[in-house]
C-alpha atoms as a PDB file:
ATOM      1  CA  MET A   1     129.131  99.282  95.983  1.00  0.00           C
ATOM      2  CA  ILE A   2     127.395  97.492  98.489  1.00  0.00           C
ATOM      3  CA  GLN A   3     129.842  97.979 101.112  1.00  0.00           C
ATOM      4  CA  ARG A   4     128.844 101.577 101.426  1.00  0.00           C
ATOM      5  CA  ILE A   5     127.974 102.640 104.846  1.00  0.00           C
ATOM      6  CA  GLN A   6     124.232 103.423 104.150  1.00  0.00           C
ATOM      7  CA  SER A   7     124.108  99.751 102.887  1.00  0.00           C
ATOM      8  CA  ILE A   8     125.369  98.793 106.273  1.00  0.00           C
ATOM      9  CA  PHE A   9     122.485 100.825 108.124  1.00  0.00           C
ATOM     10  CA  MET A  10     119.960  99.321 105.886  1.00  0.00           C
ATOM     11  CA  LEU A  11     121.184  96.095 106.734  1.00  0.00           C
ATOM     12  CA  LEU A  12     121.341  96.576 110.279  1.00  0.00           C
ATOM     13  CA  ALA A  13     117.731  98.154 110.130  1.00  0.00           C
ATOM     14  CA  ALA A  14     116.382  94.724 108.424  1.00  0.00           C
ATOM     15  CA  ALA A  15     118.018  92.715 110.928  1.00  0.00           C
ATOM     16  CA  CYS A  16     116.466  94.901 113.810  1.00  0.00           C
ATOM     17  CA  MET A  17     112.929  94.546 112.150  1.00  0.00           C
ATOM     18  CA  SER A  18     113.662  90.571 111.878  1.00  0.00           C
ATOM     19  CA  PHE A  19     114.265  90.435 115.524  1.00  0.00           C
ATOM     20  CA  LEU A  20     110.681  91.339 115.953  1.00  0.00           C
ATOM     21  CA  TYR A  21     109.587  87.515 114.976  1.00  0.00           C
ATOM     22  CA  LEU A  22     111.994  86.138 117.926  1.00  0.00           C
ATOM     23  CA  PRO A  23     110.004  85.271 120.736  1.00  0.00           C
ATOM     24  CA  SER A  24     111.882  86.739 123.479  1.00  0.00           C
ATOM     25  CA  PHE A  25     111.431  90.171 121.653  1.00  0.00           C
ATOM     26  CA  GLU A  26     107.808  91.239 122.971  1.00  0.00           C
ATOM     27  CA  PHE A  27     106.180  94.879 122.630  1.00  0.00           C
ATOM     28  CA  ALA A  28     104.614  94.145 126.218  1.00  0.00           C
ATOM     29  CA  GLY A  29     103.977  91.608 128.685  1.00  0.00           C
ATOM     30  CA  SER A  30     102.175  90.841 132.041  1.00  0.00           C
ATOM     31  CA  GLU A  31     101.915  87.597 134.274  1.00  0.00           C
ATOM     32  CA  THR A  32      98.981  88.819 135.942  1.00  0.00           C
ATOM     33  CA  PRO A  33      95.611  86.607 135.560  1.00  0.00           C
ATOM     34  CA  GLU A  34      93.595  89.679 134.780  1.00  0.00           C
ATOM     35  CA  VAL A  35      95.685  90.765 132.279  1.00  0.00           C
ATOM     36  CA  ARG A  36      96.048  87.404 130.593  1.00  0.00           C
ATOM     37  CA  SER A  37      92.294  87.503 130.221  1.00  0.00           C
ATOM     38  CA  ALA A  38      92.254  90.190 127.646  1.00  0.00           C
ATOM     39  CA  GLY A  39      92.442  89.539 123.985  1.00  0.00           C
ATOM     40  CA  LEU A  40      96.181  90.436 123.042  1.00  0.00           C
ATOM     41  CA  PHE A  41      97.636  88.957 126.379  1.00  0.00           C
ATOM     42  CA  THR A  42      96.129  85.549 126.154  1.00  0.00           C
ATOM     43  CA  ASP A  43      99.923  83.970 125.935  1.00  0.00           C
ATOM     44  CA  GLY A  44     100.961  86.971 128.405  1.00  0.00           C
ATOM     45  CA  TYR A  45     102.617  88.833 125.813  1.00  0.00           C
ATOM     46  CA  PHE A  46     101.952  91.146 123.034  1.00  0.00           C
ATOM     47  CA  ASN A  47     104.041  90.505 120.415  1.00  0.00           C
ATOM     48  CA  SER A  48     104.144  90.446 116.488  1.00  0.00           C
ATOM     49  CA  TYR A  49     102.297  87.087 116.249  1.00  0.00           C
ATOM     50  CA  ASP A  50      99.146  88.686 117.714  1.00  0.00           C
ATOM     51  CA  ASN A  51      97.881  90.510 114.467  1.00  0.00           C
ATOM     52  CA  THR A  52      98.281  89.416 110.920  1.00  0.00           C
ATOM     53  CA  ILE A  53      98.348  92.938 109.933  1.00  0.00           C
ATOM     54  CA  LEU A  54     101.611  93.281 112.202  1.00  0.00           C
ATOM     55  CA  VAL A  55     103.203  90.269 110.877  1.00  0.00           C
ATOM     56  CA  SER A  56     102.693  91.658 107.263  1.00  0.00           C
ATOM     57  CA  LEU A  57     103.917  95.057 108.116  1.00  0.00           C
ATOM     58  CA  ILE A  58     107.111  93.864 109.705  1.00  0.00           C
ATOM     59  CA  ALA A  59     107.752  91.063 106.656  1.00  0.00           C
ATOM     60  CA  GLY A  60     107.272  93.996 104.227  1.00  0.00           C
ATOM     61  CA  ALA A  61     109.385  96.204 106.411  1.00  0.00           C
ATOM     62  CA  ILE A  62     112.180  93.940 106.350  1.00  0.00           C
ATOM     63  CA  SER A  63     111.752  93.189 102.737  1.00  0.00           C
ATOM     64  CA  LEU A  64     111.819  96.615 101.569  1.00  0.00           C
ATOM     65  CA  ALA A  65     115.176  97.494 103.710  1.00  0.00           C
ATOM     66  CA  PHE A  66     116.909  94.151 102.572  1.00  0.00           C
ATOM     67  CA  ILE A  67     115.773  95.168  98.891  1.00  0.00           C
ATOM     68  CA  ASN A  68     117.048  98.420  98.977  1.00  0.00           C
ATOM     69  CA  ILE A  69     120.356  97.558  99.986  1.00  0.00           C
ATOM     70  CA  PHE A  70     121.069  96.088  96.307  1.00  0.00           C
ATOM     71  CA  LEU A  71     119.650  99.124  94.416  1.00  0.00           C
ATOM     72  CA  TYR A  72     122.792 101.104  94.840  1.00  0.00           C
ATOM     73  CA  LYS A  73     123.131 101.939  91.145  1.00  0.00           C
ATOM     74  CA  ASN A  74     119.791 104.160  91.273  1.00  0.00           C
ATOM     75  CA  ARG A  75     120.062 106.390  94.326  1.00  0.00           C
ATOM     76  CA  SER A  76     116.939 108.255  93.795  1.00  0.00           C
ATOM     77  CA  LEU A  77     114.699 104.830  93.972  1.00  0.00           C
ATOM     78  CA  GLN A  78     117.063 103.863  96.660  1.00  0.00           C
ATOM     79  CA  LEU A  79     115.905 106.781  98.420  1.00  0.00           C
ATOM     80  CA  LEU A  80     112.341 106.567  97.699  1.00  0.00           C
ATOM     81  CA  LEU A  81     112.056 102.915  99.182  1.00  0.00           C
ATOM     82  CA  SER A  82     114.034 103.870 102.057  1.00  0.00           C
ATOM     83  CA  ARG A  83     111.250 106.459 102.884  1.00  0.00           C
ATOM     84  CA  ILE A  84     108.338 104.228 102.095  1.00  0.00           C
ATOM     85  CA  THR A  85     110.464 101.710 104.483  1.00  0.00           C
ATOM     86  CA  ILE A  86     110.255 104.559 107.410  1.00  0.00           C
ATOM     87  CA  VAL A  87     106.351 105.038 106.700  1.00  0.00           C
ATOM     88  CA  VAL A  88     105.970 101.411 107.102  1.00  0.00           C
ATOM     89  CA  ILE A  89     107.618 101.412 110.055  1.00  0.00           C
ATOM     90  CA  PHE A  90     106.045 103.961 111.416  1.00  0.00           C
ATOM     91  CA  SER A  91     102.570 102.489 110.435  1.00  0.00           C
ATOM     92  CA  ILE A  92     103.610  99.331 112.471  1.00  0.00           C
ATOM     93  CA  ILE A  93     103.929 101.756 115.584  1.00  0.00           C
ATOM     94  CA  VAL A  94     100.659 103.182 114.870  1.00  0.00           C
ATOM     95  CA  VAL A  95      98.714  99.713 114.487  1.00  0.00           C
ATOM     96  CA  GLY A  96     100.427  98.529 117.586  1.00  0.00           C
ATOM     97  CA  GLY A  97      99.380 101.349 119.609  1.00  0.00           C
ATOM     98  CA  ILE A  98      95.793 101.285 118.167  1.00  0.00           C
ATOM     99  CA  LEU A  99      95.623  97.657 118.978  1.00  0.00           C
ATOM    100  CA  PHE A 100      97.073  98.278 122.471  1.00  0.00           C
ATOM    101  CA  TYR A 101      94.792 101.031 123.257  1.00  0.00           C
ATOM    102  CA  LEU A 102      91.650  99.171 122.078  1.00  0.00           C
ATOM    103  CA  ASN A 103      92.648  96.101 124.172  1.00  0.00           C
ATOM    104  CA  PHE A 104      92.788  98.162 127.201  1.00  0.00           C
ATOM    105  CA  GLU A 105      90.105 100.888 126.084  1.00  0.00           C
ATOM    106  CA  ASN A 106      87.710 100.414 129.266  1.00  0.00           C
ATOM    107  CA  ARG A 107      90.489  98.778 131.780  1.00  0.00           C
ATOM    108  CA  GLN A 108      92.552 101.520 132.939  1.00  0.00           C
ATOM    109  CA  SER A 109      93.527  99.582 136.098  1.00  0.00           C
ATOM    110  CA  GLU A 110      94.533  96.559 134.488  1.00  0.00           C
ATOM    111  CA  MET A 111      97.308  98.728 132.434  1.00  0.00           C
ATOM    112  CA  GLU A 112      99.456  99.236 135.717  1.00  0.00           C
ATOM    113  CA  HIS A 113     100.487  95.388 135.500  1.00  0.00           C
ATOM    114  CA  VAL A 114     101.752  95.864 131.894  1.00  0.00           C
ATOM    115  CA  ASN A 115     105.597  95.941 131.470  1.00  0.00           C
ATOM    116  CA  ILE A 116     107.090  97.279 128.602  1.00  0.00           C
ATOM    117  CA  ARG A 117     109.672  95.151 126.847  1.00  0.00           C
ATOM    118  CA  LEU A 118     112.594  95.196 124.313  1.00  0.00           C
ATOM    119  CA  GLY A 119     110.489  94.644 121.488  1.00  0.00           C
ATOM    120  CA  LEU A 120     108.831  97.972 121.667  1.00  0.00           C
ATOM    121  CA  PHE A 121     112.052 100.034 120.917  1.00  0.00           C
ATOM    122  CA  ILE A 122     113.128  98.203 117.947  1.00  0.00           C
ATOM    123  CA  PRO A 123     110.889  99.974 115.300  1.00  0.00           C
ATOM    124  CA  PHE A 124     112.343 103.451 116.784  1.00  0.00           C
ATOM    125  CA  VAL A 125     115.926 101.972 116.287  1.00  0.00           C
ATOM    126  CA  SER A 126     115.194 100.772 112.655  1.00  0.00           C
ATOM    127  CA  MET A 127     113.676 104.128 111.761  1.00  0.00           C
ATOM    128  CA  ALA A 128     116.875 106.012 113.149  1.00  0.00           C
ATOM    129  CA  LEU A 129     119.116 103.455 111.301  1.00  0.00           C
ATOM    130  CA  LEU A 130     116.948 104.112 108.051  1.00  0.00           C
ATOM    131  CA  TYR A 131     117.125 107.944 108.661  1.00  0.00           C
ATOM    132  CA  PHE A 132     120.975 107.775 108.940  1.00  0.00           C
ATOM    133  CA  ALA A 133     120.986 105.649 105.688  1.00  0.00           C
ATOM    134  CA  ASN A 134     119.068 108.553 103.984  1.00  0.00           C
ATOM    135  CA  LYS A 135     121.457 110.796 104.911  1.00  0.00           C
ATOM    136  CA  TYR A 136     124.151 109.089 103.529  1.00  0.00           C
ATOM    137  CA  ILE A 137     122.356 108.547 100.236  1.00  0.00           C
ATOM    138  CA  ILE A 138     121.892 112.271  99.711  1.00  0.00           C
ATOM    139  CA  LYS A 139     125.271 112.817 100.381  1.00  0.00           C
ATOM    140  CA  ASP A 140     126.304 110.488  97.741  1.00  0.00           C
ATOM    141  CA  ASN A 141     123.865 111.853  95.306  1.00  0.00           C
ATOM    142  CA  LYS A 142     125.552 115.322  95.839  1.00  0.00           C
ATOM    143  CA  LEU A 143     129.111 113.732  95.724  1.00  0.00           C
ATOM    144  CA  VAL A 144     128.074 112.134  92.095  1.00  0.00           C
ATOM    145  CA  LYS A 145     126.226 115.599  90.884  1.00  0.00           C
ATOM    146  CA  SER A 146     129.261 117.241  91.739  1.00  0.00           C
ATOM    147  CA  MET A 147     131.653 115.025  90.166  1.00  0.00           C
ATOM    148  CA  ASP A 148     129.553 115.177  86.952  1.00  0.00           C
ATOM    149  CA  ARG A 149     129.906 119.073  87.122  1.00  0.00           C
ATOM    150  CA  LEU A 150     133.637 118.811  86.673  1.00  0.00           C
ATOM    151  CA  ARG A 151     133.686 116.632  83.654  1.00  0.00           C
END
């Protein structure tokens, strides 16, 4: 039953998170020389390659979401792994925010030159897709339990 709607949501979430490895999906960027001297913005962009923790968390979120597609026979495990994936994606947001804050801790004037990029919104989209997948997994679980009562 891979063609269920929650499987499609999980596949879309894994695909969205894999976009963070592409060079055009940065979290933030700046072309100003003052900002480029900062630790995260040496190449002008803050992306997933700037920290190994971010790279490993993103890889974990992608693999959990993709593996979760094939666990359709065990809905309770699928629901648990989907919730763990949401926590991992939330930790990506927190770690990225902490890294960004520590980079500009005492230099508030330089933050005016930083532009938010498309990659910042991808974890939120993935979390929303996994939330909808959870909703449909719970709906399937209720349907199966109601059919068991009729037997």
